[in-house]
Amino acid sequence: MPAFGERIFWNKQIEEKWKETQESVRTRLISCYNCPMKCGRSSPSGISTYMMKCFSKLTYSMAAFVDDLGFGFRIAQRATEYGVDGFSTPQIMAFAFELKEAGILTDADFEGCPSDNEGKFYWLLDESSGEKE
């Protein structure tokens, strides 16, 4: 178990990768009405441009335990198209997988679900929206 305050996730390599990803998708510094943050309009490679809400790129990455910021941008864009909230949705999705791990939800409830963390979150988002890729 790591000592209190010991960094076990963030390091220089991840910092550089995330900075590169952030700068590669930001197409314009804009913000929500009356917000000083100017997060930016995002355009990850290969998907349509969308207005990224401040924290949503991180909420999906944190919920899925994924260290790829690009995943956060890609799934946030899909979630935006579905019209779901970028704050509560990833938490609810993570909770669903916790219920499965606890045996409250069963394998039958997750039939067809991939085993990798990114795939699981895309699958659940698509299943709950009624859309299939």
C-alpha atoms as a PDB file:
ATOM      1  CA  MET A   1       0.000   0.000   0.000  1.00  0.00           C
ATOM      2  CA  PRO A   2       1.402   3.427  -0.899  1.00  0.00           C
ATOM      3  CA  ALA A   3       2.410   5.758   1.884  1.00  0.00           C
ATOM      4  CA  PHE A   4       0.102   8.698   2.611  1.00  0.00           C
ATOM      5  CA  GLY A   5       0.602  11.350  -0.060  1.00  0.00           C
ATOM      6  CA  GLU A   6       2.685   9.087  -2.310  1.00  0.00           C
ATOM      7  CA  ARG A   7       1.981   9.631  -5.987  1.00  0.00           C
ATOM      8  CA  ILE A   8       1.009   6.372  -7.601  1.00  0.00           C
ATOM      9  CA  PHE A   9      -0.693   7.665 -10.738  1.00  0.00           C
ATOM     10  CA  TRP A  10       0.620  11.028 -11.862  1.00  0.00           C
ATOM     11  CA  ASN A  11       4.136  11.235 -13.236  1.00  0.00           C
ATOM     12  CA  LYS A  12       6.093  13.330 -15.733  1.00  0.00           C
ATOM     13  CA  GLN A  13       5.375  10.949 -18.613  1.00  0.00           C
ATOM     14  CA  ILE A  14       1.608  11.067 -18.056  1.00  0.00           C
ATOM     15  CA  GLU A  15       1.779  14.844 -17.586  1.00  0.00           C
ATOM     16  CA  GLU A  16       3.462  15.282 -20.987  1.00  0.00           C
ATOM     17  CA  LYS A  17       1.058  12.874 -22.698  1.00  0.00           C
ATOM     18  CA  TRP A  18      -1.992  14.634 -21.252  1.00  0.00           C
ATOM     19  CA  LYS A  19      -0.649  18.088 -22.182  1.00  0.00           C
ATOM     20  CA  GLU A  20      -0.054  16.931 -25.755  1.00  0.00           C
ATOM     21  CA  THR A  21      -3.538  15.416 -25.948  1.00  0.00           C
ATOM     22  CA  GLN A  22      -5.196  18.538 -24.503  1.00  0.00           C
ATOM     23  CA  GLU A  23      -3.426  20.823 -26.934  1.00  0.00           C
ATOM     24  CA  SER A  24      -4.084  18.573 -29.931  1.00  0.00           C
ATOM     25  CA  VAL A  25      -7.879  18.587 -29.527  1.00  0.00           C
ATOM     26  CA  ARG A  26      -8.510  22.198 -28.527  1.00  0.00           C
ATOM     27  CA  THR A  27      -9.599  24.092 -31.622  1.00  0.00           C
ATOM     28  CA  ARG A  28     -10.753  27.323 -30.028  1.00  0.00           C
ATOM     29  CA  LEU A  29     -10.703  28.843 -26.557  1.00  0.00           C
ATOM     30  CA  ILE A  30     -14.347  29.489 -25.725  1.00  0.00           C
ATOM     31  CA  SER A  31     -16.402  28.998 -22.609  1.00  0.00           C
ATOM     32  CA  CYS A  32     -19.886  28.399 -21.357  1.00  0.00           C
ATOM     33  CA  TYR A  33     -21.974  31.505 -20.720  1.00  0.00           C
ATOM     34  CA  ASN A  34     -20.496  33.602 -17.917  1.00  0.00           C
ATOM     35  CA  CYS A  35     -17.664  31.144 -17.199  1.00  0.00           C
ATOM     36  CA  PRO A  36     -14.093  32.461 -17.000  1.00  0.00           C
ATOM     37  CA  MET A  37     -12.407  29.089 -17.652  1.00  0.00           C
ATOM     38  CA  LYS A  38     -12.339  29.058 -21.482  1.00  0.00           C
ATOM     39  CA  CYS A  39     -11.906  25.284 -21.676  1.00  0.00           C
ATOM     40  CA  GLY A  40     -12.295  25.215 -25.412  1.00  0.00           C
ATOM     41  CA  ARG A  41     -14.120  23.655 -28.265  1.00  0.00           C
ATOM     42  CA  SER A  42     -12.721  20.189 -28.854  1.00  0.00           C
ATOM     43  CA  SER A  43     -12.148  18.207 -31.983  1.00  0.00           C
ATOM     44  CA  PRO A  44     -10.512  14.848 -31.244  1.00  0.00           C
ATOM     45  CA  SER A  45      -9.213  13.163 -34.375  1.00  0.00           C
ATOM     46  CA  GLY A  46     -11.855  11.303 -36.317  1.00  0.00           C
ATOM     47  CA  ILE A  47     -14.958  12.536 -34.483  1.00  0.00           C
ATOM     48  CA  SER A  48     -17.145  15.611 -34.755  1.00  0.00           C
ATOM     49  CA  THR A  49     -16.313  18.840 -32.941  1.00  0.00           C
ATOM     50  CA  TYR A  50     -18.150  19.550 -29.700  1.00  0.00           C
ATOM     51  CA  MET A  51     -18.097  22.024 -26.841  1.00  0.00           C
ATOM     52  CA  MET A  52     -16.227  20.327 -24.033  1.00  0.00           C
ATOM     53  CA  LYS A  53     -17.621  20.968 -20.583  1.00  0.00           C
ATOM     54  CA  CYS A  54     -14.857  21.766 -18.093  1.00  0.00           C
ATOM     55  CA  PHE A  55     -14.447  18.601 -16.148  1.00  0.00           C
ATOM     56  CA  SER A  56     -16.213  15.972 -18.249  1.00  0.00           C
ATOM     57  CA  LYS A  57     -13.042  14.839 -20.029  1.00  0.00           C
ATOM     58  CA  LEU A  58     -11.715  13.859 -16.606  1.00  0.00           C
ATOM     59  CA  THR A  59     -14.880  12.396 -15.068  1.00  0.00           C
ATOM     60  CA  TYR A  60     -15.020   9.570 -17.606  1.00  0.00           C
ATOM     61  CA  SER A  61     -11.286   8.851 -17.347  1.00  0.00           C
ATOM     62  CA  MET A  62     -11.467   8.750 -13.549  1.00  0.00           C
ATOM     63  CA  ALA A  63     -14.606   6.594 -13.457  1.00  0.00           C
ATOM     64  CA  ALA A  64     -13.109   4.071 -15.883  1.00  0.00           C
ATOM     65  CA  PHE A  65      -9.640   4.107 -14.244  1.00  0.00           C
ATOM     66  CA  VAL A  66      -8.101   4.991 -17.607  1.00  0.00           C
ATOM     67  CA  ASP A  67      -4.926   7.057 -17.845  1.00  0.00           C
ATOM     68  CA  ASP A  68      -5.540   8.034 -21.485  1.00  0.00           C
ATOM     69  CA  LEU A  69      -6.973  11.557 -21.629  1.00  0.00           C
ATOM     70  CA  GLY A  70      -7.925  10.920 -25.249  1.00  0.00           C
ATOM     71  CA  PHE A  71     -10.454   8.379 -24.000  1.00  0.00           C
ATOM     72  CA  GLY A  72     -12.034  11.120 -21.870  1.00  0.00           C
ATOM     73  CA  PHE A  73     -12.366  13.418 -24.892  1.00  0.00           C
ATOM     74  CA  ARG A  74     -13.756  10.699 -27.155  1.00  0.00           C
ATOM     75  CA  ILE A  75     -16.351   9.326 -24.747  1.00  0.00           C
ATOM     76  CA  ALA A  76     -17.378  12.822 -23.592  1.00  0.00           C
ATOM     77  CA  GLN A  77     -18.103  13.695 -27.230  1.00  0.00           C
ATOM     78  CA  ARG A  78     -20.285  10.601 -27.654  1.00  0.00           C
ATOM     79  CA  ALA A  79     -22.055  11.306 -24.362  1.00  0.00           C
ATOM     80  CA  THR A  80     -22.665  14.890 -25.507  1.00  0.00           C
ATOM     81  CA  GLU A  81     -24.338  13.576 -28.663  1.00  0.00           C
ATOM     82  CA  TYR A  82     -26.558  11.367 -26.494  1.00  0.00           C
ATOM     83  CA  GLY A  83     -27.404  14.396 -24.370  1.00  0.00           C
ATOM     84  CA  VAL A  84     -26.294  12.961 -21.035  1.00  0.00           C
ATOM     85  CA  ASP A  85     -24.642  14.868 -18.226  1.00  0.00           C
ATOM     86  CA  GLY A  86     -20.843  14.657 -18.025  1.00  0.00           C
ATOM     87  CA  PHE A  87     -20.751  14.716 -14.237  1.00  0.00           C
ATOM     88  CA  SER A  88     -23.337  12.203 -13.030  1.00  0.00           C
ATOM     89  CA  THR A  89     -23.288   9.785 -15.986  1.00  0.00           C
ATOM     90  CA  PRO A  90     -19.735   8.449 -15.476  1.00  0.00           C
ATOM     91  CA  GLN A  91     -20.399   8.062 -11.755  1.00  0.00           C
ATOM     92  CA  ILE A  92     -23.573   6.081 -12.427  1.00  0.00           C
ATOM     93  CA  MET A  93     -21.714   3.948 -14.973  1.00  0.00           C
ATOM     94  CA  ALA A  94     -18.936   3.203 -12.462  1.00  0.00           C
ATOM     95  CA  PHE A  95     -21.598   2.358  -9.885  1.00  0.00           C
ATOM     96  CA  ALA A  96     -23.155  -0.159 -12.282  1.00  0.00           C
ATOM     97  CA  PHE A  97     -19.827  -1.974 -12.550  1.00  0.00           C
ATOM     98  CA  GLU A  98     -19.431  -1.879  -8.759  1.00  0.00           C
ATOM     99  CA  LEU A  99     -22.875  -3.499  -8.470  1.00  0.00           C
ATOM    100  CA  LYS A 100     -21.727  -6.202 -10.881  1.00  0.00           C
ATOM    101  CA  GLU A 101     -18.549  -6.813  -8.866  1.00  0.00           C
ATOM    102  CA  ALA A 102     -20.688  -7.088  -5.704  1.00  0.00           C
ATOM    103  CA  GLY A 103     -22.961  -9.667  -7.371  1.00  0.00           C
ATOM    104  CA  ILE A 104     -26.046  -7.450  -7.256  1.00  0.00           C
ATOM    105  CA  LEU A 105     -26.080  -7.207 -11.043  1.00  0.00           C
ATOM    106  CA  THR A 106     -25.198 -10.398 -12.908  1.00  0.00           C
ATOM    107  CA  ASP A 107     -23.263 -11.425 -16.004  1.00  0.00           C
ATOM    108  CA  ALA A 108     -26.631 -11.701 -17.758  1.00  0.00           C
ATOM    109  CA  ASP A 109     -27.148  -7.971 -17.161  1.00  0.00           C
ATOM    110  CA  PHE A 110     -23.837  -7.316 -18.918  1.00  0.00           C
ATOM    111  CA  GLU A 111     -24.123  -9.808 -21.775  1.00  0.00           C
ATOM    112  CA  GLY A 112     -21.920  -8.630 -24.626  1.00  0.00           C
ATOM    113  CA  CYS A 113     -19.907  -6.245 -22.455  1.00  0.00           C
ATOM    114  CA  PRO A 114     -16.182  -6.078 -23.319  1.00  0.00           C
ATOM    115  CA  SER A 115     -13.621  -6.790 -20.606  1.00  0.00           C
ATOM    116  CA  ASP A 116     -11.368  -3.716 -21.040  1.00  0.00           C
ATOM    117  CA  ASN A 117     -12.216  -0.575 -19.072  1.00  0.00           C
ATOM    118  CA  GLU A 118     -12.620   1.712 -22.091  1.00  0.00           C
ATOM    119  CA  GLY A 119     -14.751  -0.832 -23.927  1.00  0.00           C
ATOM    120  CA  LYS A 120     -16.952  -1.398 -20.874  1.00  0.00           C
ATOM    121  CA  PHE A 121     -17.759   2.306 -20.595  1.00  0.00           C
ATOM    122  CA  TYR A 122     -18.485   2.741 -24.309  1.00  0.00           C
ATOM    123  CA  TRP A 123     -20.650  -0.383 -24.201  1.00  0.00           C
ATOM    124  CA  LEU A 124     -22.665   0.793 -21.202  1.00  0.00           C
ATOM    125  CA  LEU A 125     -23.112   4.287 -22.663  1.00  0.00           C
ATOM    126  CA  ASP A 126     -24.344   2.838 -25.949  1.00  0.00           C
ATOM    127  CA  GLU A 127     -26.571   0.257 -24.241  1.00  0.00           C
ATOM    128  CA  SER A 128     -28.210   2.849 -22.013  1.00  0.00           C
ATOM    129  CA  SER A 129     -28.815   5.190 -24.929  1.00  0.00           C
ATOM    130  CA  GLY A 130     -30.356   2.515 -27.120  1.00  0.00           C
ATOM    131  CA  GLU A 131     -27.650   3.064 -29.748  1.00  0.00           C
ATOM    132  CA  LYS A 132     -25.334   0.334 -31.026  1.00  0.00           C
ATOM    133  CA  GLU A 133     -22.057   0.868 -32.906  1.00  0.00           C
END
